[in-house]
Amino acid sequence: MEITGKKPHNSLDNFIKSIDARKRLKPGIHQPAPAVQADGDKVELSAQARQIQEASKLAKSFPEVREDKVAQIRNQIETGTYRIDAGKIAAAMLKEAFSDESS
């Protein structure tokens, strides 16, 4: 990221003032920030930063909890049909333990 311009703090001050003004208008309601033209200041993101930004947006679009999987397991527990594969759990624990040691 590159920031150019004579007084980048002026843009920050303007941004903070716009946020304060929005809060005074209607607290608790998010409104779009007013467009503020900076005095020639410019921010350019690298291609890698744009990729990270897109990946972040994509990750946020997925739910944090897989509701369908939770409901399925909850149903199995309630009906007494949920079975735990101890060997599978032990293998995963060993795999993780050995991968931690090699790091």
PDB file of N, CA and C in Angstrom:
ATOM      1  N   MET A   1       0.858  -1.164   0.000  1.00  0.00           N
ATOM      2  CA  MET A   1       0.000   0.000   0.000  1.00  0.00           C
ATOM      3  C   MET A   1       0.900   1.222   0.000  1.00  0.00           C
ATOM      4  N   GLU A   2       0.497   2.210  -0.785  1.00  0.00           N
ATOM      5  CA  GLU A   2       1.275   3.439  -0.866  1.00  0.00           C
ATOM      6  C   GLU A   2       0.338   4.616  -0.640  1.00  0.00           C
ATOM      7  N   ILE A   3       0.716   5.500   0.252  1.00  0.00           N
ATOM      8  CA  ILE A   3      -0.062   6.705   0.526  1.00  0.00           C
ATOM      9  C   ILE A   3       0.758   7.886   0.046  1.00  0.00           C
ATOM     10  N   THR A   4       0.153   8.683  -0.835  1.00  0.00           N
ATOM     11  CA  THR A   4       0.875   9.838  -1.349  1.00  0.00           C
ATOM     12  C   THR A   4       0.087  11.096  -1.035  1.00  0.00           C
ATOM     13  N   GLY A   5       0.751  12.190  -1.025  1.00  0.00           N
ATOM     14  CA  GLY A   5       0.083  13.458  -0.761  1.00  0.00           C
ATOM     15  C   GLY A   5       0.851  14.253   0.274  1.00  0.00           C
ATOM     16  N   LYS A   6       0.488  15.521   0.394  1.00  0.00           N
ATOM     17  CA  LYS A   6       1.210  16.392   1.302  1.00  0.00           C
ATOM     18  C   LYS A   6       0.789  16.217   2.754  1.00  0.00           C
ATOM     19  N   LYS A   7      -0.527  16.101   2.995  1.00  0.00           N
ATOM     20  CA  LYS A   7      -1.011  16.071   4.369  1.00  0.00           C
ATOM     21  C   LYS A   7      -2.029  14.938   4.550  1.00  0.00           C
ATOM     22  N   PRO A   8      -1.561  13.689   4.689  1.00  0.00           N
ATOM     23  CA  PRO A   8      -2.510  12.582   4.839  1.00  0.00           C
ATOM     24  C   PRO A   8      -3.353  12.696   6.101  1.00  0.00           C
ATOM     25  N   HIS A   9      -2.875  13.384   7.134  1.00  0.00           N
ATOM     26  CA  HIS A   9      -3.638  13.504   8.376  1.00  0.00           C
ATOM     27  C   HIS A   9      -4.896  14.336   8.165  1.00  0.00           C
ATOM     28  N   ASN A  10      -4.907  15.260   7.159  1.00  0.00           N
ATOM     29  CA  ASN A  10      -6.105  16.048   6.875  1.00  0.00           C
ATOM     30  C   ASN A  10      -7.256  15.146   6.441  1.00  0.00           C
ATOM     31  N   SER A  11      -6.958  14.157   5.615  1.00  0.00           N
ATOM     32  CA  SER A  11      -7.991  13.223   5.171  1.00  0.00           C
ATOM     33  C   SER A  11      -8.533  12.430   6.349  1.00  0.00           C
ATOM     34  N   LEU A  12      -7.658  12.040   7.237  1.00  0.00           N
ATOM     35  CA  LEU A  12      -8.083  11.303   8.419  1.00  0.00           C
ATOM     36  C   LEU A  12      -8.972  12.172   9.294  1.00  0.00           C
ATOM     37  N   ASP A  13      -8.581  13.419   9.473  1.00  0.00           N
ATOM     38  CA  ASP A  13      -9.407  14.340  10.261  1.00  0.00           C
ATOM     39  C   ASP A  13     -10.790  14.500   9.636  1.00  0.00           C
ATOM     40  N   ASN A  14     -10.838  14.657   8.311  1.00  0.00           N
ATOM     41  CA  ASN A  14     -12.121  14.793   7.616  1.00  0.00           C
ATOM     42  C   ASN A  14     -12.969  13.534   7.781  1.00  0.00           C
ATOM     43  N   PHE A  15     -12.330  12.388   7.703  1.00  0.00           N
ATOM     44  CA  PHE A  15     -13.054  11.127   7.859  1.00  0.00           C
ATOM     45  C   PHE A  15     -13.639  11.008   9.265  1.00  0.00           C
ATOM     46  N   ILE A  16     -12.855  11.331  10.260  1.00  0.00           N
ATOM     47  CA  ILE A  16     -13.321  11.265  11.650  1.00  0.00           C
ATOM     48  C   ILE A  16     -14.478  12.234  11.869  1.00  0.00           C
ATOM     49  N   LYS A  17     -14.379  13.424  11.306  1.00  0.00           N
ATOM     50  CA  LYS A  17     -15.461  14.402  11.426  1.00  0.00           C
ATOM     51  C   LYS A  17     -16.735  13.889  10.775  1.00  0.00           C
ATOM     52  N   SER A  18     -16.621  13.213   9.637  1.00  0.00           N
ATOM     53  CA  SER A  18     -17.813  12.691   8.961  1.00  0.00           C
ATOM     54  C   SER A  18     -18.462  11.587   9.783  1.00  0.00           C
ATOM     55  N   ILE A  19     -17.663  10.772  10.454  1.00  0.00           N
ATOM     56  CA  ILE A  19     -18.207   9.717  11.316  1.00  0.00           C
ATOM     57  C   ILE A  19     -18.929  10.344  12.500  1.00  0.00           C
ATOM     58  N   ASP A  20     -18.323  11.352  13.113  1.00  0.00           N
ATOM     59  CA  ASP A  20     -18.966  12.043  14.234  1.00  0.00           C
ATOM     60  C   ASP A  20     -20.285  12.673  13.804  1.00  0.00           C
ATOM     61  N   ALA A  21     -20.311  13.253  12.622  1.00  0.00           N
ATOM     62  CA  ALA A  21     -21.541  13.888  12.127  1.00  0.00           C
ATOM     63  C   ALA A  21     -22.631  12.837  11.914  1.00  0.00           C
ATOM     64  N   ARG A  22     -22.276  11.686  11.394  1.00  0.00           N
ATOM     65  CA  ARG A  22     -23.266  10.612  11.184  1.00  0.00           C
ATOM     66  C   ARG A  22     -23.817  10.121  12.508  1.00  0.00           C
ATOM     67  N   LYS A  23     -22.972  10.002  13.501  1.00  0.00           N
ATOM     68  CA  LYS A  23     -23.431   9.531  14.816  1.00  0.00           C
ATOM     69  C   LYS A  23     -24.433  10.502  15.422  1.00  0.00           C
ATOM     70  N   ARG A  24     -24.200  11.802  15.201  1.00  0.00           N
ATOM     71  CA  ARG A  24     -25.118  12.803  15.745  1.00  0.00           C
ATOM     72  C   ARG A  24     -26.453  12.804  15.017  1.00  0.00           C
ATOM     73  N   LEU A  25     -26.463  12.423  13.741  1.00  0.00           N
ATOM     74  CA  LEU A  25     -27.713  12.420  12.977  1.00  0.00           C
ATOM     75  C   LEU A  25     -28.682  11.359  13.485  1.00  0.00           C
ATOM     76  N   LYS A  26     -28.264  10.122  13.438  1.00  0.00           N
ATOM     77  CA  LYS A  26     -29.117   9.010  13.866  1.00  0.00           C
ATOM     78  C   LYS A  26     -28.239   7.943  14.506  1.00  0.00           C
ATOM     79  N   PRO A  27     -28.121   7.967  15.802  1.00  0.00           N
ATOM     80  CA  PRO A  27     -27.280   6.962  16.456  1.00  0.00           C
ATOM     81  C   PRO A  27     -27.849   5.561  16.246  1.00  0.00           C
ATOM     82  N   GLY A  28     -26.963   4.624  16.024  1.00  0.00           N
ATOM     83  CA  GLY A  28     -27.372   3.225  15.880  1.00  0.00           C
ATOM     84  C   GLY A  28     -27.728   2.845  14.457  1.00  0.00           C
ATOM     85  N   ILE A  29     -27.830   3.809  13.552  1.00  0.00           N
ATOM     86  CA  ILE A  29     -28.165   3.508  12.163  1.00  0.00           C
ATOM     87  C   ILE A  29     -26.936   3.799  11.315  1.00  0.00           C
ATOM     88  N   HIS A  30     -26.539   2.804  10.533  1.00  0.00           N
ATOM     89  CA  HIS A  30     -25.367   2.962   9.684  1.00  0.00           C
ATOM     90  C   HIS A  30     -25.774   3.684   8.410  1.00  0.00           C
ATOM     91  N   GLN A  31     -25.076   4.740   8.112  1.00  0.00           N
ATOM     92  CA  GLN A  31     -25.321   5.492   6.897  1.00  0.00           C
ATOM     93  C   GLN A  31     -24.029   5.515   6.105  1.00  0.00           C
ATOM     94  N   PRO A  32     -24.142   5.608   4.788  1.00  0.00           N
ATOM     95  CA  PRO A  32     -22.905   5.671   4.005  1.00  0.00           C
ATOM     96  C   PRO A  32     -22.133   6.941   4.317  1.00  0.00           C
ATOM     97  N   ALA A  33     -20.836   6.823   4.323  1.00  0.00           N
ATOM     98  CA  ALA A  33     -19.990   7.982   4.610  1.00  0.00           C
ATOM     99  C   ALA A  33     -20.076   8.954   3.445  1.00  0.00           C
ATOM    100  N   PRO A  34     -20.123  10.230   3.763  1.00  0.00           N
ATOM    101  CA  PRO A  34     -20.164  11.212   2.679  1.00  0.00           C
ATOM    102  C   PRO A  34     -18.854  11.198   1.915  1.00  0.00           C
ATOM    103  N   ALA A  35     -18.936  11.479   0.630  1.00  0.00           N
ATOM    104  CA  ALA A  35     -17.738  11.498  -0.192  1.00  0.00           C
ATOM    105  C   ALA A  35     -16.895  12.707   0.209  1.00  0.00           C
ATOM    106  N   VAL A  36     -15.633  12.445   0.488  1.00  0.00           N
ATOM    107  CA  VAL A  36     -14.724  13.518   0.882  1.00  0.00           C
ATOM    108  C   VAL A  36     -13.583  13.517  -0.124  1.00  0.00           C
ATOM    109  N   GLN A  37     -13.395  14.617  -0.767  1.00  0.00           N
ATOM    110  CA  GLN A  37     -12.312  14.731  -1.734  1.00  0.00           C
ATOM    111  C   GLN A  37     -11.062  15.194  -1.006  1.00  0.00           C
ATOM    112  N   ALA A  38     -10.073  14.342  -0.979  1.00  0.00           N
ATOM    113  CA  ALA A  38      -8.813  14.696  -0.332  1.00  0.00           C
ATOM    114  C   ALA A  38      -7.998  15.561  -1.284  1.00  0.00           C
ATOM    115  N   ASP A  39      -7.071  16.300  -0.737  1.00  0.00           N
ATOM    116  CA  ASP A  39      -6.236  17.188  -1.530  1.00  0.00           C
ATOM    117  C   ASP A  39      -5.136  16.405  -2.230  1.00  0.00           C
ATOM    118  N   GLY A  40      -5.515  15.600  -3.211  1.00  0.00           N
ATOM    119  CA  GLY A  40      -4.535  14.863  -3.986  1.00  0.00           C
ATOM    120  C   GLY A  40      -4.018  13.609  -3.318  1.00  0.00           C
ATOM    121  N   ASP A  41      -4.504  13.250  -2.151  1.00  0.00           N
ATOM    122  CA  ASP A  41      -4.048  12.031  -1.497  1.00  0.00           C
ATOM    123  C   ASP A  41      -4.611  10.838  -2.253  1.00  0.00           C
ATOM    124  N   LYS A  42      -3.858   9.764  -2.273  1.00  0.00           N
ATOM    125  CA  LYS A  42      -4.269   8.615  -3.053  1.00  0.00           C
ATOM    126  C   LYS A  42      -3.715   7.350  -2.402  1.00  0.00           C
ATOM    127  N   VAL A  43      -4.536   6.304  -2.373  1.00  0.00           N
ATOM    128  CA  VAL A  43      -4.108   5.016  -1.854  1.00  0.00           C
ATOM    129  C   VAL A  43      -4.263   4.001  -2.972  1.00  0.00           C
ATOM    130  N   GLU A  44      -3.224   3.240  -3.224  1.00  0.00           N
ATOM    131  CA  GLU A  44      -3.271   2.197  -4.238  1.00  0.00           C
ATOM    132  C   GLU A  44      -2.936   0.869  -3.575  1.00  0.00           C
ATOM    133  N   LEU A  45      -3.809  -0.106  -3.777  1.00  0.00           N
ATOM    134  CA  LEU A  45      -3.566  -1.434  -3.232  1.00  0.00           C
ATOM    135  C   LEU A  45      -2.819  -2.277  -4.254  1.00  0.00           C
ATOM    136  N   SER A  46      -1.918  -3.087  -3.779  1.00  0.00           N
ATOM    137  CA  SER A  46      -1.196  -3.981  -4.671  1.00  0.00           C
ATOM    138  C   SER A  46      -2.137  -5.087  -5.135  1.00  0.00           C
ATOM    139  N   ALA A  47      -1.736  -5.817  -6.151  1.00  0.00           N
ATOM    140  CA  ALA A  47      -2.544  -6.924  -6.661  1.00  0.00           C
ATOM    141  C   ALA A  47      -2.755  -7.962  -5.556  1.00  0.00           C
ATOM    142  N   GLN A  48      -1.726  -8.209  -4.771  1.00  0.00           N
ATOM    143  CA  GLN A  48      -1.835  -9.175  -3.674  1.00  0.00           C
ATOM    144  C   GLN A  48      -2.830  -8.692  -2.623  1.00  0.00           C
ATOM    145  N   ALA A  49      -2.813  -7.407  -2.306  1.00  0.00           N
ATOM    146  CA  ALA A  49      -3.753  -6.855  -1.319  1.00  0.00           C
ATOM    147  C   ALA A  49      -5.185  -6.973  -1.827  1.00  0.00           C
ATOM    148  N   ARG A  50      -5.391  -6.745  -3.134  1.00  0.00           N
ATOM    149  CA  ARG A  50      -6.737  -6.895  -3.699  1.00  0.00           C
ATOM    150  C   ARG A  50      -7.194  -8.349  -3.635  1.00  0.00           C
ATOM    151  N   GLN A  51      -6.283  -9.294  -3.887  1.00  0.00           N
ATOM    152  CA  GLN A  51      -6.630 -10.720  -3.791  1.00  0.00           C
ATOM    153  C   GLN A  51      -7.008 -11.082  -2.360  1.00  0.00           C
ATOM    154  N   ILE A  52      -6.266 -10.574  -1.405  1.00  0.00           N
ATOM    155  CA  ILE A  52      -6.565 -10.842   0.003  1.00  0.00           C
ATOM    156  C   ILE A  52      -7.919 -10.258   0.353  1.00  0.00           C
ATOM    157  N   GLN A  53      -8.211  -9.073  -0.131  1.00  0.00           N
ATOM    158  CA  GLN A  53      -9.490  -8.425   0.131  1.00  0.00           C
ATOM    159  C   GLN A  53     -10.639  -9.259  -0.446  1.00  0.00           C
ATOM    160  N   GLU A  54     -10.489  -9.767  -1.658  1.00  0.00           N
ATOM    161  CA  GLU A  54     -11.522 -10.598  -2.278  1.00  0.00           C
ATOM    162  C   GLU A  54     -11.691 -11.911  -1.521  1.00  0.00           C
ATOM    163  N   ALA A  55     -10.582 -12.520  -1.103  1.00  0.00           N
ATOM    164  CA  ALA A  55     -10.650 -13.769  -0.344  1.00  0.00           C
ATOM    165  C   ALA A  55     -11.361 -13.546   0.985  1.00  0.00           C
ATOM    166  N   SER A  56     -11.103 -12.414   1.604  1.00  0.00           N
ATOM    167  CA  SER A  56     -11.760 -12.091   2.870  1.00  0.00           C
ATOM    168  C   SER A  56     -13.263 -11.945   2.673  1.00  0.00           C
ATOM    169  N   LYS A  57     -13.672 -11.250   1.610  1.00  0.00           N
ATOM    170  CA  LYS A  57     -15.106 -11.106   1.318  1.00  0.00           C
ATOM    171  C   LYS A  57     -15.750 -12.470   1.097  1.00  0.00           C
ATOM    172  N   LEU A  58     -15.062 -13.347   0.364  1.00  0.00           N
ATOM    173  CA  LEU A  58     -15.589 -14.678   0.091  1.00  0.00           C
ATOM    174  C   LEU A  58     -15.724 -15.483   1.379  1.00  0.00           C
ATOM    175  N   ALA A  59     -14.714 -15.419   2.238  1.00  0.00           N
ATOM    176  CA  ALA A  59     -14.761 -16.163   3.500  1.00  0.00           C
ATOM    177  C   ALA A  59     -15.897 -15.668   4.389  1.00  0.00           C
ATOM    178  N   LYS A  60     -16.146 -14.358   4.383  1.00  0.00           N
ATOM    179  CA  LYS A  60     -17.218 -13.797   5.195  1.00  0.00           C
ATOM    180  C   LYS A  60     -18.594 -14.176   4.677  1.00  0.00           C
ATOM    181  N   SER A  61     -18.673 -14.592   3.418  1.00  0.00           N
ATOM    182  CA  SER A  61     -19.972 -14.946   2.851  1.00  0.00           C
ATOM    183  C   SER A  61     -20.431 -16.335   3.318  1.00  0.00           C
ATOM    184  N   PHE A  62     -19.529 -17.134   3.861  1.00  0.00           N
ATOM    185  CA  PHE A  62     -19.889 -18.458   4.358  1.00  0.00           C
ATOM    186  C   PHE A  62     -20.339 -18.363   5.815  1.00  0.00           C
ATOM    187  N   PRO A  63     -21.312 -19.185   6.208  1.00  0.00           N
ATOM    188  CA  PRO A  63     -21.751 -19.145   7.608  1.00  0.00           C
ATOM    189  C   PRO A  63     -20.665 -19.690   8.531  1.00  0.00           C
ATOM    190  N   GLU A  64     -20.614 -19.149   9.755  1.00  0.00           N
ATOM    191  CA  GLU A  64     -19.614 -19.601  10.716  1.00  0.00           C
ATOM    192  C   GLU A  64     -19.940 -20.989  11.244  1.00  0.00           C
ATOM    193  N   VAL A  65     -21.223 -21.304  11.309  1.00  0.00           N
ATOM    194  CA  VAL A  65     -21.662 -22.596  11.841  1.00  0.00           C
ATOM    195  C   VAL A  65     -22.443 -23.316  10.753  1.00  0.00           C
ATOM    196  N   ARG A  66     -22.113 -24.568  10.532  1.00  0.00           N
ATOM    197  CA  ARG A  66     -22.848 -25.366   9.559  1.00  0.00           C
ATOM    198  C   ARG A  66     -24.110 -25.891  10.237  1.00  0.00           C
ATOM    199  N   GLU A  67     -25.175 -25.123  10.124  1.00  0.00           N
ATOM    200  CA  GLU A  67     -26.435 -25.426  10.803  1.00  0.00           C
ATOM    201  C   GLU A  67     -26.956 -26.812  10.446  1.00  0.00           C
ATOM    202  N   ASP A  68     -26.821 -27.220   9.184  1.00  0.00           N
ATOM    203  CA  ASP A  68     -27.319 -28.528   8.771  1.00  0.00           C
ATOM    204  C   ASP A  68     -26.578 -29.657   9.484  1.00  0.00           C
ATOM    205  N   LYS A  69     -25.269 -29.513   9.618  1.00  0.00           N
ATOM    206  CA  LYS A  69     -24.458 -30.536  10.295  1.00  0.00           C
ATOM    207  C   LYS A  69     -24.784 -30.578  11.787  1.00  0.00           C
ATOM    208  N   VAL A  70     -24.952 -29.406  12.402  1.00  0.00           N
ATOM    209  CA  VAL A  70     -25.298 -29.334  13.824  1.00  0.00           C
ATOM    210  C   VAL A  70     -26.645 -30.007  14.062  1.00  0.00           C
ATOM    211  N   ALA A  71     -27.626 -29.725  13.203  1.00  0.00           N
ATOM    212  CA  ALA A  71     -28.957 -30.321  13.351  1.00  0.00           C
ATOM    213  C   ALA A  71     -28.904 -31.832  13.191  1.00  0.00           C
ATOM    214  N   GLN A  72     -28.103 -32.292  12.246  1.00  0.00           N
ATOM    215  CA  GLN A  72     -27.969 -33.734  12.012  1.00  0.00           C
ATOM    216  C   GLN A  72     -27.380 -34.431  13.245  1.00  0.00           C
ATOM    217  N   ILE A  73     -26.302 -33.889  13.784  1.00  0.00           N
ATOM    218  CA  ILE A  73     -25.661 -34.505  14.951  1.00  0.00           C
ATOM    219  C   ILE A  73     -26.569 -34.402  16.167  1.00  0.00           C
ATOM    220  N   ARG A  74     -27.239 -33.262  16.355  1.00  0.00           N
ATOM    221  CA  ARG A  74     -28.165 -33.097  17.470  1.00  0.00           C
ATOM    222  C   ARG A  74     -29.270 -34.168  17.407  1.00  0.00           C
ATOM    223  N   ASN A  75     -29.788 -34.397  16.218  1.00  0.00           N
ATOM    224  CA  ASN A  75     -30.827 -35.409  16.036  1.00  0.00           C
ATOM    225  C   ASN A  75     -30.299 -36.800  16.378  1.00  0.00           C
ATOM    226  N   GLN A  76     -29.085 -37.112  15.938  1.00  0.00           N
ATOM    227  CA  GLN A  76     -28.488 -38.413  16.236  1.00  0.00           C
ATOM    228  C   GLN A  76     -28.275 -38.596  17.737  1.00  0.00           C
ATOM    229  N   ILE A  77     -27.851 -37.553  18.422  1.00  0.00           N
ATOM    230  CA  ILE A  77     -27.649 -37.637  19.874  1.00  0.00           C
ATOM    231  C   ILE A  77     -28.980 -37.871  20.565  1.00  0.00           C
ATOM    232  N   GLU A  78     -30.009 -37.119  20.159  1.00  0.00           N
ATOM    233  CA  GLU A  78     -31.327 -37.253  20.790  1.00  0.00           C
ATOM    234  C   GLU A  78     -31.942 -38.626  20.569  1.00  0.00           C
ATOM    235  N   THR A  79     -31.697 -39.224  19.406  1.00  0.00           N
ATOM    236  CA  THR A  79     -32.274 -40.541  19.110  1.00  0.00           C
ATOM    237  C   THR A  79     -31.367 -41.689  19.541  1.00  0.00           C
ATOM    238  N   GLY A  80     -30.165 -41.358  20.031  1.00  0.00           N
ATOM    239  CA  GLY A  80     -29.248 -42.388  20.509  1.00  0.00           C
ATOM    240  C   GLY A  80     -28.506 -43.110  19.406  1.00  0.00           C
ATOM    241  N   THR A  81     -28.458 -42.528  18.221  1.00  0.00           N
ATOM    242  CA  THR A  81     -27.783 -43.183  17.098  1.00  0.00           C
ATOM    243  C   THR A  81     -26.420 -42.569  16.785  1.00  0.00           C
ATOM    244  N   TYR A  82     -25.998 -41.576  17.563  1.00  0.00           N
ATOM    245  CA  TYR A  82     -24.709 -40.942  17.321  1.00  0.00           C
ATOM    246  C   TYR A  82     -23.603 -41.845  17.832  1.00  0.00           C
ATOM    247  N   ARG A  83     -22.674 -42.188  16.959  1.00  0.00           N
ATOM    248  CA  ARG A  83     -21.563 -43.063  17.317  1.00  0.00           C
ATOM    249  C   ARG A  83     -20.243 -42.347  17.079  1.00  0.00           C
ATOM    250  N   ILE A  84     -19.358 -42.486  18.029  1.00  0.00           N
ATOM    251  CA  ILE A  84     -18.045 -41.859  17.942  1.00  0.00           C
ATOM    252  C   ILE A  84     -17.039 -42.920  17.539  1.00  0.00           C
ATOM    253  N   ASP A  85     -16.249 -42.626  16.523  1.00  0.00           N
ATOM    254  CA  ASP A  85     -15.204 -43.531  16.060  1.00  0.00           C
ATOM    255  C   ASP A  85     -13.919 -43.165  16.795  1.00  0.00           C
ATOM    256  N   ALA A  86     -13.635 -43.882  17.883  1.00  0.00           N
ATOM    257  CA  ALA A  86     -12.475 -43.575  18.721  1.00  0.00           C
ATOM    258  C   ALA A  86     -11.171 -43.699  17.943  1.00  0.00           C
ATOM    259  N   GLY A  87     -11.082 -44.648  17.049  1.00  0.00           N
ATOM    260  CA  GLY A  87      -9.869 -44.825  16.246  1.00  0.00           C
ATOM    261  C   GLY A  87      -9.608 -43.630  15.341  1.00  0.00           C
ATOM    262  N   LYS A  88     -10.659 -43.099  14.768  1.00  0.00           N
ATOM    263  CA  LYS A  88     -10.527 -41.939  13.891  1.00  0.00           C
ATOM    264  C   LYS A  88     -10.063 -40.710  14.687  1.00  0.00           C
ATOM    265  N   ILE A  89     -10.611 -40.548  15.886  1.00  0.00           N
ATOM    266  CA  ILE A  89     -10.222 -39.423  16.742  1.00  0.00           C
ATOM    267  C   ILE A  89      -8.763 -39.567  17.178  1.00  0.00           C
ATOM    268  N   ALA A  90      -8.379 -40.778  17.581  1.00  0.00           N
ATOM    269  CA  ALA A  90      -6.998 -41.015  18.012  1.00  0.00           C
ATOM    270  C   ALA A  90      -6.018 -40.763  16.868  1.00  0.00           C
ATOM    271  N   ALA A  91      -6.368 -41.212  15.667  1.00  0.00           N
ATOM    272  CA  ALA A  91      -5.492 -41.000  14.512  1.00  0.00           C
ATOM    273  C   ALA A  91      -5.324 -39.504  14.227  1.00  0.00           C
ATOM    274  N   ALA A  92      -6.406 -38.761  14.324  1.00  0.00           N
ATOM    275  CA  ALA A  92      -6.331 -37.311  14.086  1.00  0.00           C
ATOM    276  C   ALA A  92      -5.485 -36.628  15.149  1.00  0.00           C
ATOM    277  N   MET A  93      -5.615 -37.082  16.404  1.00  0.00           N
ATOM    278  CA  MET A  93      -4.823 -36.492  17.488  1.00  0.00           C
ATOM    279  C   MET A  93      -3.332 -36.766  17.280  1.00  0.00           C
ATOM    280  N   LEU A  94      -3.000 -37.991  16.892  1.00  0.00           N
ATOM    281  CA  LEU A  94      -1.599 -38.335  16.643  1.00  0.00           C
ATOM    282  C   LEU A  94      -1.044 -37.564  15.452  1.00  0.00           C
ATOM    283  N   LYS A  95      -1.843 -37.459  14.397  1.00  0.00           N
ATOM    284  CA  LYS A  95      -1.408 -36.720  13.216  1.00  0.00           C
ATOM    285  C   LYS A  95      -1.103 -35.272  13.575  1.00  0.00           C
ATOM    286  N   GLU A  96      -1.981 -34.659  14.372  1.00  0.00           N
ATOM    287  CA  GLU A  96      -1.771 -33.271  14.784  1.00  0.00           C
ATOM    288  C   GLU A  96      -0.545 -33.148  15.683  1.00  0.00           C
ATOM    289  N   ALA A  97      -0.370 -34.101  16.594  1.00  0.00           N
ATOM    290  CA  ALA A  97       0.763 -34.045  17.518  1.00  0.00           C
ATOM    291  C   ALA A  97       2.084 -34.152  16.745  1.00  0.00           C
ATOM    292  N   PHE A  98       2.142 -35.038  15.771  1.00  0.00           N
ATOM    293  CA  PHE A  98       3.377 -35.207  15.013  1.00  0.00           C
ATOM    294  C   PHE A  98       3.619 -34.037  14.068  1.00  0.00           C
ATOM    295  N   SER A  99       2.573 -33.443  13.553  1.00  0.00           N
ATOM    296  CA  SER A  99       2.765 -32.290  12.666  1.00  0.00           C
ATOM    297  C   SER A  99       3.241 -31.085  13.469  1.00  0.00           C
ATOM    298  N   ASP A 100       2.813 -30.960  14.731  1.00  0.00           N
ATOM    299  CA  ASP A 100       3.268 -29.863  15.595  1.00  0.00           C
ATOM    300  C   ASP A 100       4.755 -30.004  15.922  1.00  0.00           C
ATOM    301  N   GLU A 101       5.220 -31.245  16.100  1.00  0.00           N
ATOM    302  CA  GLU A 101       6.622 -31.469  16.443  1.00  0.00           C
ATOM    303  C   GLU A 101       7.544 -31.155  15.264  1.00  0.00           C
ATOM    304  N   SER A 102       7.082 -31.400  14.045  1.00  0.00           N
ATOM    305  CA  SER A 102       7.930 -31.170  12.875  1.00  0.00           C
ATOM    306  C   SER A 102       7.958 -29.706  12.463  1.00  0.00           C
ATOM    307  N   SER A 103       7.103 -28.881  13.047  1.00  0.00           N
ATOM    308  CA  SER A 103       7.054 -27.459  12.666  1.00  0.00           C
ATOM    309  C   SER A 103       8.119 -26.654  13.349  1.00  0.00           C
TER     310      SER A 103
END
